[in-house]
Amino acid sequence: MFRQSLAADSGMLFDFGDPHEVAMWMKNTYISLDMIFIRADGVIHRIQRDTEPHSLTTISSKGNVAAVLEVSAGVTQRLNIQPGDVVRHEMFSQ
């Protein structure tokens, strides 16, 4: 929240612990983001691209996830990141 910019090679990883359905929103977020919803095994469950800054609309994981990775809008398309791809990080069991 309250970010005015985000470097193209940066992101914010939110660890939700035990997998469950989560919902995010863009209140107090000044930039558009891509939200990557990640299961406990590191597999990308779904992606919400090009979110709307300041929106109060909830963005659901639409399934059980352990984390959300937020990156600048357009990054997932530019890098061809898709549901089913695997995120490697120590928080995910692989």
PDB file of N, CA and C in Angstrom:
ATOM      1  N   MET A   1       0.836  -1.188   0.000  1.00  0.00           N
ATOM      2  CA  MET A   1       0.000   0.000   0.000  1.00  0.00           C
ATOM      3  C   MET A   1       0.878   1.248   0.000  1.00  0.00           C
ATOM      4  N   PHE A   2       0.337   2.288  -0.588  1.00  0.00           N
ATOM      5  CA  PHE A   2       0.963   3.607  -0.650  1.00  0.00           C
ATOM      6  C   PHE A   2       2.206   3.671  -1.525  1.00  0.00           C
ATOM      7  N   ARG A   3       2.507   2.620  -2.261  1.00  0.00           N
ATOM      8  CA  ARG A   3       3.661   2.648  -3.164  1.00  0.00           C
ATOM      9  C   ARG A   3       3.355   3.525  -4.371  1.00  0.00           C
ATOM     10  N   GLN A   4       4.327   4.342  -4.744  1.00  0.00           N
ATOM     11  CA  GLN A   4       4.206   5.189  -5.926  1.00  0.00           C
ATOM     12  C   GLN A   4       4.857   4.532  -7.139  1.00  0.00           C
ATOM     13  N   SER A   5       5.750   3.558  -6.891  1.00  0.00           N
ATOM     14  CA  SER A   5       6.435   2.871  -7.983  1.00  0.00           C
ATOM     15  C   SER A   5       6.924   1.509  -7.489  1.00  0.00           C
ATOM     16  N   LEU A   6       7.278   0.668  -8.446  1.00  0.00           N
ATOM     17  CA  LEU A   6       7.829  -0.652  -8.145  1.00  0.00           C
ATOM     18  C   LEU A   6       8.766  -0.998  -9.290  1.00  0.00           C
ATOM     19  N   ALA A   7      10.007  -1.271  -8.981  1.00  0.00           N
ATOM     20  CA  ALA A   7      10.983  -1.606 -10.017  1.00  0.00           C
ATOM     21  C   ALA A   7      10.537  -2.836 -10.796  1.00  0.00           C
ATOM     22  N   ALA A   8      10.893  -2.868 -12.065  1.00  0.00           N
ATOM     23  CA  ALA A   8      10.465  -3.957 -12.950  1.00  0.00           C
ATOM     24  C   ALA A   8      10.943  -5.326 -12.478  1.00  0.00           C
ATOM     25  N   ASP A   9      12.046  -5.375 -11.743  1.00  0.00           N
ATOM     26  CA  ASP A   9      12.583  -6.654 -11.280  1.00  0.00           C
ATOM     27  C   ASP A   9      12.319  -6.889  -9.796  1.00  0.00           C
ATOM     28  N   SER A  10      11.323  -6.202  -9.262  1.00  0.00           N
ATOM     29  CA  SER A  10      10.977  -6.333  -7.846  1.00  0.00           C
ATOM     30  C   SER A  10       9.546  -6.823  -7.685  1.00  0.00           C
ATOM     31  N   GLY A  11       9.243  -7.268  -6.477  1.00  0.00           N
ATOM     32  CA  GLY A  11       7.890  -7.691  -6.166  1.00  0.00           C
ATOM     33  C   GLY A  11       7.693  -7.722  -4.664  1.00  0.00           C
ATOM     34  N   MET A  12       6.464  -7.983  -4.269  1.00  0.00           N
ATOM     35  CA  MET A  12       6.114  -8.089  -2.857  1.00  0.00           C
ATOM     36  C   MET A  12       5.456  -9.446  -2.660  1.00  0.00           C
ATOM     37  N   LEU A  13       6.021 -10.263  -1.771  1.00  0.00           N
ATOM     38  CA  LEU A  13       5.525 -11.611  -1.525  1.00  0.00           C
ATOM     39  C   LEU A  13       4.796 -11.634  -0.192  1.00  0.00           C
ATOM     40  N   PHE A  14       3.519 -12.024  -0.225  1.00  0.00           N
ATOM     41  CA  PHE A  14       2.687 -12.108   0.977  1.00  0.00           C
ATOM     42  C   PHE A  14       2.501 -13.575   1.335  1.00  0.00           C
ATOM     43  N   ASP A  15       2.981 -13.965   2.508  1.00  0.00           N
ATOM     44  CA  ASP A  15       2.885 -15.339   3.000  1.00  0.00           C
ATOM     45  C   ASP A  15       1.639 -15.454   3.872  1.00  0.00           C
ATOM     46  N   PHE A  16       0.677 -16.280   3.455  1.00  0.00           N
ATOM     47  CA  PHE A  16      -0.560 -16.458   4.206  1.00  0.00           C
ATOM     48  C   PHE A  16      -0.560 -17.719   5.060  1.00  0.00           C
ATOM     49  N   GLY A  17       0.581 -18.398   5.156  1.00  0.00           N
ATOM     50  CA  GLY A  17       0.665 -19.597   5.999  1.00  0.00           C
ATOM     51  C   GLY A  17      -0.122 -20.746   5.396  1.00  0.00           C
ATOM     52  N   ASP A  18      -0.959 -21.363   6.221  1.00  0.00           N
ATOM     53  CA  ASP A  18      -1.756 -22.495   5.745  1.00  0.00           C
ATOM     54  C   ASP A  18      -2.622 -22.068   4.559  1.00  0.00           C
ATOM     55  N   PRO A  19      -2.670 -22.905   3.514  1.00  0.00           N
ATOM     56  CA  PRO A  19      -3.439 -22.552   2.332  1.00  0.00           C
ATOM     57  C   PRO A  19      -4.921 -22.338   2.636  1.00  0.00           C
ATOM     58  N   HIS A  20      -5.450 -21.273   2.078  1.00  0.00           N
ATOM     59  CA  HIS A  20      -6.874 -20.967   2.162  1.00  0.00           C
ATOM     60  C   HIS A  20      -7.194 -19.949   1.073  1.00  0.00           C
ATOM     61  N   GLU A  21      -8.475 -19.741   0.842  1.00  0.00           N
ATOM     62  CA  GLU A  21      -8.875 -18.738  -0.146  1.00  0.00           C
ATOM     63  C   GLU A  21      -8.593 -17.361   0.427  1.00  0.00           C
ATOM     64  N   VAL A  22      -7.960 -16.516  -0.364  1.00  0.00           N
ATOM     65  CA  VAL A  22      -7.636 -15.158   0.080  1.00  0.00           C
ATOM     66  C   VAL A  22      -8.259 -14.146  -0.873  1.00  0.00           C
ATOM     67  N   ALA A  23      -8.413 -12.928  -0.380  1.00  0.00           N
ATOM     68  CA  ALA A  23      -8.923 -11.834  -1.205  1.00  0.00           C
ATOM     69  C   ALA A  23      -8.056 -10.608  -0.958  1.00  0.00           C
ATOM     70  N   MET A  24      -7.742  -9.919  -2.022  1.00  0.00           N
ATOM     71  CA  MET A  24      -6.915  -8.716  -1.967  1.00  0.00           C
ATOM     72  C   MET A  24      -7.741  -7.564  -2.534  1.00  0.00           C
ATOM     73  N   TRP A  25      -7.263  -6.330  -2.313  1.00  0.00           N
ATOM     74  CA  TRP A  25      -7.860  -5.174  -2.959  1.00  0.00           C
ATOM     75  C   TRP A  25      -6.755  -4.161  -3.204  1.00  0.00           C
ATOM     76  N   MET A  26      -7.098  -3.095  -3.895  1.00  0.00           N
ATOM     77  CA  MET A  26      -6.102  -2.114  -4.312  1.00  0.00           C
ATOM     78  C   MET A  26      -6.227  -0.775  -3.580  1.00  0.00           C
ATOM     79  N   LYS A  27      -7.015  -0.743  -2.522  1.00  0.00           N
ATOM     80  CA  LYS A  27      -7.170   0.492  -1.758  1.00  0.00           C
ATOM     81  C   LYS A  27      -5.783   1.004  -1.349  1.00  0.00           C
ATOM     82  N   ASN A  28      -5.560   2.286  -1.514  1.00  0.00           N
ATOM     83  CA  ASN A  28      -4.302   2.946  -1.152  1.00  0.00           C
ATOM     84  C   ASN A  28      -3.101   2.427  -1.936  1.00  0.00           C
ATOM     85  N   THR A  29      -3.343   1.810  -3.081  1.00  0.00           N
ATOM     86  CA  THR A  29      -2.267   1.371  -3.969  1.00  0.00           C
ATOM     87  C   THR A  29      -2.321   2.256  -5.208  1.00  0.00           C
ATOM     88  N   TYR A  30      -1.239   2.949  -5.487  1.00  0.00           N
ATOM     89  CA  TYR A  30      -1.218   3.976  -6.530  1.00  0.00           C
ATOM     90  C   TYR A  30      -0.833   3.459  -7.906  1.00  0.00           C
ATOM     91  N   ILE A  31      -0.346   2.223  -7.973  1.00  0.00           N
ATOM     92  CA  ILE A  31       0.121   1.676  -9.246  1.00  0.00           C
ATOM     93  C   ILE A  31      -0.626   0.386  -9.572  1.00  0.00           C
ATOM     94  N   SER A  32      -0.755   0.098 -10.844  1.00  0.00           N
ATOM     95  CA  SER A  32      -1.372  -1.147 -11.277  1.00  0.00           C
ATOM     96  C   SER A  32      -0.389  -2.297 -11.058  1.00  0.00           C
ATOM     97  N   LEU A  33      -0.913  -3.425 -10.637  1.00  0.00           N
ATOM     98  CA  LEU A  33      -0.098  -4.600 -10.335  1.00  0.00           C
ATOM     99  C   LEU A  33      -0.631  -5.829 -11.053  1.00  0.00           C
ATOM    100  N   ASP A  34       0.210  -6.841 -11.172  1.00  0.00           N
ATOM    101  CA  ASP A  34      -0.214  -8.200 -11.492  1.00  0.00           C
ATOM    102  C   ASP A  34      -0.137  -8.968 -10.177  1.00  0.00           C
ATOM    103  N   MET A  35      -1.197  -9.674  -9.823  1.00  0.00           N
ATOM    104  CA  MET A  35      -1.215 -10.490  -8.610  1.00  0.00           C
ATOM    105  C   MET A  35      -1.111 -11.960  -9.001  1.00  0.00           C
ATOM    106  N   ILE A  36      -0.107 -12.620  -8.447  1.00  0.00           N
ATOM    107  CA  ILE A  36       0.147 -14.029  -8.745  1.00  0.00           C
ATOM    108  C   ILE A  36      -0.218 -14.833  -7.495  1.00  0.00           C
ATOM    109  N   PHE A  37      -1.258 -15.640  -7.597  1.00  0.00           N
ATOM    110  CA  PHE A  37      -1.747 -16.455  -6.479  1.00  0.00           C
ATOM    111  C   PHE A  37      -1.054 -17.820  -6.547  1.00  0.00           C
ATOM    112  N   ILE A  38      -0.355 -18.187  -5.452  1.00  0.00           N
ATOM    113  CA  ILE A  38       0.538 -19.345  -5.464  1.00  0.00           C
ATOM    114  C   ILE A  38       0.127 -20.372  -4.410  1.00  0.00           C
ATOM    115  N   ARG A  39       0.021 -21.627  -4.846  1.00  0.00           N
ATOM    116  CA  ARG A  39      -0.302 -22.712  -3.922  1.00  0.00           C
ATOM    117  C   ARG A  39       0.897 -23.048  -3.040  1.00  0.00           C
ATOM    118  N   ALA A  40       0.690 -23.864  -2.021  1.00  0.00           N
ATOM    119  CA  ALA A  40       1.741 -24.234  -1.066  1.00  0.00           C
ATOM    120  C   ALA A  40       2.908 -24.967  -1.718  1.00  0.00           C
ATOM    121  N   ASP A  41       2.653 -25.634  -2.852  1.00  0.00           N
ATOM    122  CA  ASP A  41       3.724 -26.350  -3.547  1.00  0.00           C
ATOM    123  C   ASP A  41       4.479 -25.455  -4.534  1.00  0.00           C
ATOM    124  N   GLY A  42       4.139 -24.163  -4.576  1.00  0.00           N
ATOM    125  CA  GLY A  42       4.817 -23.216  -5.452  1.00  0.00           C
ATOM    126  C   GLY A  42       4.203 -23.083  -6.828  1.00  0.00           C
ATOM    127  N   VAL A  43       3.189 -23.868  -7.119  1.00  0.00           N
ATOM    128  CA  VAL A  43       2.536 -23.796  -8.428  1.00  0.00           C
ATOM    129  C   VAL A  43       1.596 -22.588  -8.474  1.00  0.00           C
ATOM    130  N   ILE A  44       1.680 -21.831  -9.548  1.00  0.00           N
ATOM    131  CA  ILE A  44       0.804 -20.673  -9.717  1.00  0.00           C
ATOM    132  C   ILE A  44      -0.613 -21.157  -9.983  1.00  0.00           C
ATOM    133  N   HIS A  45      -1.518 -20.766  -9.104  1.00  0.00           N
ATOM    134  CA  HIS A  45      -2.927 -21.139  -9.216  1.00  0.00           C
ATOM    135  C   HIS A  45      -3.644 -20.246 -10.226  1.00  0.00           C
ATOM    136  N   ARG A  46      -3.448 -18.920 -10.098  1.00  0.00           N
ATOM    137  CA  ARG A  46      -4.073 -17.998 -11.046  1.00  0.00           C
ATOM    138  C   ARG A  46      -3.358 -16.660 -10.998  1.00  0.00           C
ATOM    139  N   ILE A  47      -3.612 -15.842 -12.008  1.00  0.00           N
ATOM    140  CA  ILE A  47      -3.013 -14.512 -12.102  1.00  0.00           C
ATOM    141  C   ILE A  47      -4.111 -13.502 -12.384  1.00  0.00           C
ATOM    142  N   GLN A  48      -4.097 -12.417 -11.639  1.00  0.00           N
ATOM    143  CA  GLN A  48      -4.972 -11.275 -11.930  1.00  0.00           C
ATOM    144  C   GLN A  48      -4.054 -10.190 -12.479  1.00  0.00           C
ATOM    145  N   ARG A  49      -4.214  -9.905 -13.764  1.00  0.00           N
ATOM    146  CA  ARG A  49      -3.329  -8.942 -14.424  1.00  0.00           C
ATOM    147  C   ARG A  49      -3.921  -7.536 -14.403  1.00  0.00           C
ATOM    148  N   ASP A  50      -3.041  -6.539 -14.402  1.00  0.00           N
ATOM    149  CA  ASP A  50      -3.408  -5.128 -14.589  1.00  0.00           C
ATOM    150  C   ASP A  50      -4.505  -4.660 -13.635  1.00  0.00           C
ATOM    151  N   THR A  51      -4.286  -4.830 -12.352  1.00  0.00           N
ATOM    152  CA  THR A  51      -5.282  -4.410 -11.365  1.00  0.00           C
ATOM    153  C   THR A  51      -5.476  -2.892 -11.399  1.00  0.00           C
ATOM    154  N   GLU A  52      -6.626  -2.465 -10.941  1.00  0.00           N
ATOM    155  CA  GLU A  52      -6.991  -1.046 -10.977  1.00  0.00           C
ATOM    156  C   GLU A  52      -6.579  -0.341  -9.682  1.00  0.00           C
ATOM    157  N   PRO A  53      -5.702   0.660  -9.791  1.00  0.00           N
ATOM    158  CA  PRO A  53      -5.291   1.397  -8.590  1.00  0.00           C
ATOM    159  C   PRO A  53      -6.483   1.978  -7.835  1.00  0.00           C
ATOM    160  N   HIS A  54      -6.413   1.970  -6.515  1.00  0.00           N
ATOM    161  CA  HIS A  54      -7.409   2.535  -5.597  1.00  0.00           C
ATOM    162  C   HIS A  54      -8.753   1.795  -5.571  1.00  0.00           C
ATOM    163  N   SER A  55      -8.879   0.714  -6.309  1.00  0.00           N
ATOM    164  CA  SER A  55     -10.152  -0.007  -6.377  1.00  0.00           C
ATOM    165  C   SER A  55     -10.451  -0.713  -5.054  1.00  0.00           C
ATOM    166  N   LEU A  56     -11.721  -0.704  -4.672  1.00  0.00           N
ATOM    167  CA  LEU A  56     -12.176  -1.432  -3.486  1.00  0.00           C
ATOM    168  C   LEU A  56     -12.741  -2.807  -3.847  1.00  0.00           C
ATOM    169  N   THR A  57     -12.728  -3.129  -5.123  1.00  0.00           N
ATOM    170  CA  THR A  57     -13.203  -4.436  -5.579  1.00  0.00           C
ATOM    171  C   THR A  57     -12.255  -5.525  -5.068  1.00  0.00           C
ATOM    172  N   THR A  58     -12.819  -6.568  -4.471  1.00  0.00           N
ATOM    173  CA  THR A  58     -11.970  -7.651  -3.980  1.00  0.00           C
ATOM    174  C   THR A  58     -11.538  -8.539  -5.138  1.00  0.00           C
ATOM    175  N   ILE A  59     -10.312  -9.001  -5.039  1.00  0.00           N
ATOM    176  CA  ILE A  59      -9.727  -9.882  -6.041  1.00  0.00           C
ATOM    177  C   ILE A  59      -9.452 -11.198  -5.332  1.00  0.00           C
ATOM    178  N   SER A  60     -10.202 -12.223  -5.679  1.00  0.00           N
ATOM    179  CA  SER A  60     -10.153 -13.510  -4.993  1.00  0.00           C
ATOM    180  C   SER A  60      -9.125 -14.442  -5.616  1.00  0.00           C
ATOM    181  N   SER A  61      -8.554 -15.273  -4.766  1.00  0.00           N
ATOM    182  CA  SER A  61      -7.658 -16.313  -5.260  1.00  0.00           C
ATOM    183  C   SER A  61      -8.431 -17.393  -6.018  1.00  0.00           C
ATOM    184  N   LYS A  62      -9.715 -17.508  -5.739  1.00  0.00           N
ATOM    185  CA  LYS A  62     -10.581 -18.523  -6.365  1.00  0.00           C
ATOM    186  C   LYS A  62     -10.045 -19.931  -6.124  1.00  0.00           C
ATOM    187  N   GLY A  63      -9.575 -20.143  -4.921  1.00  0.00           N
ATOM    188  CA  GLY A  63      -9.045 -21.442  -4.522  1.00  0.00           C
ATOM    189  C   GLY A  63      -8.048 -21.248  -3.400  1.00  0.00           C
ATOM    190  N   ASN A  64      -7.595 -22.347  -2.840  1.00  0.00           N
ATOM    191  CA  ASN A  64      -6.665 -22.287  -1.714  1.00  0.00           C
ATOM    192  C   ASN A  64      -5.251 -21.972  -2.172  1.00  0.00           C
ATOM    193  N   VAL A  65      -4.678 -20.930  -1.584  1.00  0.00           N
ATOM    194  CA  VAL A  65      -3.301 -20.538  -1.888  1.00  0.00           C
ATOM    195  C   VAL A  65      -2.559 -20.253  -0.586  1.00  0.00           C
ATOM    196  N   ALA A  66      -1.237 -20.293  -0.668  1.00  0.00           N
ATOM    197  CA  ALA A  66      -0.394 -20.002   0.487  1.00  0.00           C
ATOM    198  C   ALA A  66       0.226 -18.614   0.401  1.00  0.00           C
ATOM    199  N   ALA A  67       0.257 -18.037  -0.812  1.00  0.00           N
ATOM    200  CA  ALA A  67       0.938 -16.763  -0.983  1.00  0.00           C
ATOM    201  C   ALA A  67       0.412 -16.011  -2.191  1.00  0.00           C
ATOM    202  N   VAL A  68       0.710 -14.724  -2.188  1.00  0.00           N
ATOM    203  CA  VAL A  68       0.456 -13.867  -3.349  1.00  0.00           C
ATOM    204  C   VAL A  68       1.732 -13.089  -3.616  1.00  0.00           C
ATOM    205  N   LEU A  69       2.158 -13.096  -4.862  1.00  0.00           N
ATOM    206  CA  LEU A  69       3.292 -12.297  -5.298  1.00  0.00           C
ATOM    207  C   LEU A  69       2.740 -11.167  -6.156  1.00  0.00           C
ATOM    208  N   GLU A  70       3.009  -9.927  -5.747  1.00  0.00           N
ATOM    209  CA  GLU A  70       2.583  -8.767  -6.525  1.00  0.00           C
ATOM    210  C   GLU A  70       3.793  -8.205  -7.255  1.00  0.00           C
ATOM    211  N   VAL A  71       3.631  -8.007  -8.565  1.00  0.00           N
ATOM    212  CA  VAL A  71       4.665  -7.421  -9.420  1.00  0.00           C
ATOM    213  C   VAL A  71       4.027  -6.300 -10.228  1.00  0.00           C
ATOM    214  N   SER A  72       4.840  -5.474 -10.845  1.00  0.00           N
ATOM    215  CA  SER A  72       4.311  -4.389 -11.667  1.00  0.00           C
ATOM    216  C   SER A  72       3.421  -4.934 -12.775  1.00  0.00           C
ATOM    217  N   ALA A  73       2.368  -4.201 -13.075  1.00  0.00           N
ATOM    218  CA  ALA A  73       1.459  -4.612 -14.145  1.00  0.00           C
ATOM    219  C   ALA A  73       2.236  -4.806 -15.438  1.00  0.00           C
ATOM    220  N   GLY A  74       1.930  -5.889 -16.118  1.00  0.00           N
ATOM    221  CA  GLY A  74       2.575  -6.196 -17.390  1.00  0.00           C
ATOM    222  C   GLY A  74       3.736  -7.166 -17.287  1.00  0.00           C
ATOM    223  N   VAL A  75       4.272  -7.345 -16.089  1.00  0.00           N
ATOM    224  CA  VAL A  75       5.426  -8.230 -15.923  1.00  0.00           C
ATOM    225  C   VAL A  75       5.068  -9.673 -16.274  1.00  0.00           C
ATOM    226  N   THR A  76       3.913 -10.149 -15.824  1.00  0.00           N
ATOM    227  CA  THR A  76       3.565 -11.553 -16.097  1.00  0.00           C
ATOM    228  C   THR A  76       3.377 -11.794 -17.597  1.00  0.00           C
ATOM    229  N   GLN A  77       2.835 -10.816 -18.297  1.00  0.00           N
ATOM    230  CA  GLN A  77       2.673 -10.965 -19.748  1.00  0.00           C
ATOM    231  C   GLN A  77       4.029 -10.886 -20.442  1.00  0.00           C
ATOM    232  N   ARG A  78       4.851  -9.927 -20.058  1.00  0.00           N
ATOM    233  CA  ARG A  78       6.173  -9.747 -20.681  1.00  0.00           C
ATOM    234  C   ARG A  78       7.044 -10.982 -20.505  1.00  0.00           C
ATOM    235  N   LEU A  79       6.958 -11.616 -19.326  1.00  0.00           N
ATOM    236  CA  LEU A  79       7.772 -12.802 -19.039  1.00  0.00           C
ATOM    237  C   LEU A  79       7.045 -14.108 -19.336  1.00  0.00           C
ATOM    238  N   ASN A  80       5.833 -14.005 -19.870  1.00  0.00           N
ATOM    239  CA  ASN A  80       5.015 -15.173 -20.210  1.00  0.00           C
ATOM    240  C   ASN A  80       4.794 -16.086 -19.000  1.00  0.00           C
ATOM    241  N   ILE A  81       4.529 -15.500 -17.852  1.00  0.00           N
ATOM    242  CA  ILE A  81       4.229 -16.262 -16.636  1.00  0.00           C
ATOM    243  C   ILE A  81       2.768 -16.685 -16.699  1.00  0.00           C
ATOM    244  N   GLN A  82       2.516 -17.967 -16.467  1.00  0.00           N
ATOM    245  CA  GLN A  82       1.178 -18.539 -16.632  1.00  0.00           C
ATOM    246  C   GLN A  82       0.793 -19.396 -15.427  1.00  0.00           C
ATOM    247  N   PRO A  83      -0.520 -19.572 -15.191  1.00  0.00           N
ATOM    248  CA  PRO A  83      -0.949 -20.566 -14.202  1.00  0.00           C
ATOM    249  C   PRO A  83      -0.338 -21.921 -14.558  1.00  0.00           C
ATOM    250  N   GLY A  84       0.112 -22.630 -13.540  1.00  0.00           N
ATOM    251  CA  GLY A  84       0.783 -23.912 -13.748  1.00  0.00           C
ATOM    252  C   GLY A  84       2.297 -23.802 -13.676  1.00  0.00           C
ATOM    253  N   ASP A  85       2.835 -22.595 -13.899  1.00  0.00           N
ATOM    254  CA  ASP A  85       4.272 -22.379 -13.725  1.00  0.00           C
ATOM    255  C   ASP A  85       4.615 -22.529 -12.244  1.00  0.00           C
ATOM    256  N   VAL A  86       5.887 -22.768 -11.945  1.00  0.00           N
ATOM    257  CA  VAL A  86       6.322 -22.991 -10.568  1.00  0.00           C
ATOM    258  C   VAL A  86       7.193 -21.830 -10.085  1.00  0.00           C
ATOM    259  N   VAL A  87       6.888 -21.351  -8.885  1.00  0.00           N
ATOM    260  CA  VAL A  87       7.686 -20.332  -8.212  1.00  0.00           C
ATOM    261  C   VAL A  87       8.599 -21.046  -7.227  1.00  0.00           C
ATOM    262  N   ARG A  88       9.874 -20.783  -7.308  1.00  0.00           N
ATOM    263  CA  ARG A  88      10.824 -21.417  -6.403  1.00  0.00           C
ATOM    264  C   ARG A  88      11.227 -20.410  -5.321  1.00  0.00           C
ATOM    265  N   HIS A  89      10.924 -20.790  -4.081  1.00  0.00           N
ATOM    266  CA  HIS A  89      11.256 -19.972  -2.913  1.00  0.00           C
ATOM    267  C   HIS A  89      11.214 -20.906  -1.711  1.00  0.00           C
ATOM    268  N   GLU A  90      12.003 -20.583  -0.695  1.00  0.00           N
ATOM    269  CA  GLU A  90      12.079 -21.461   0.475  1.00  0.00           C
ATOM    270  C   GLU A  90      10.753 -21.657   1.200  1.00  0.00           C
ATOM    271  N   MET A  91       9.797 -20.774   0.989  1.00  0.00           N
ATOM    272  CA  MET A  91       8.511 -20.933   1.689  1.00  0.00           C
ATOM    273  C   MET A  91       7.609 -21.979   1.052  1.00  0.00           C
ATOM    274  N   PHE A  92       7.922 -22.421  -0.164  1.00  0.00           N
ATOM    275  CA  PHE A  92       7.078 -23.393  -0.858  1.00  0.00           C
ATOM    276  C   PHE A  92       7.704 -24.790  -0.784  1.00  0.00           C
ATOM    277  N   SER A  93       6.851 -25.795  -0.530  1.00  0.00           N
ATOM    278  CA  SER A  93       7.316 -27.189  -0.510  1.00  0.00           C
ATOM    279  C   SER A  93       7.395 -27.670  -1.943  1.00  0.00           C
ATOM    280  N   GLN A  94       8.541 -28.248  -2.314  1.00  0.00           N
ATOM    281  CA  GLN A  94       8.711 -28.672  -3.714  1.00  0.00           C
ATOM    282  C   GLN A  94       9.370 -30.005  -3.814  1.00  0.00           C
TER     283      GLN A  94
END
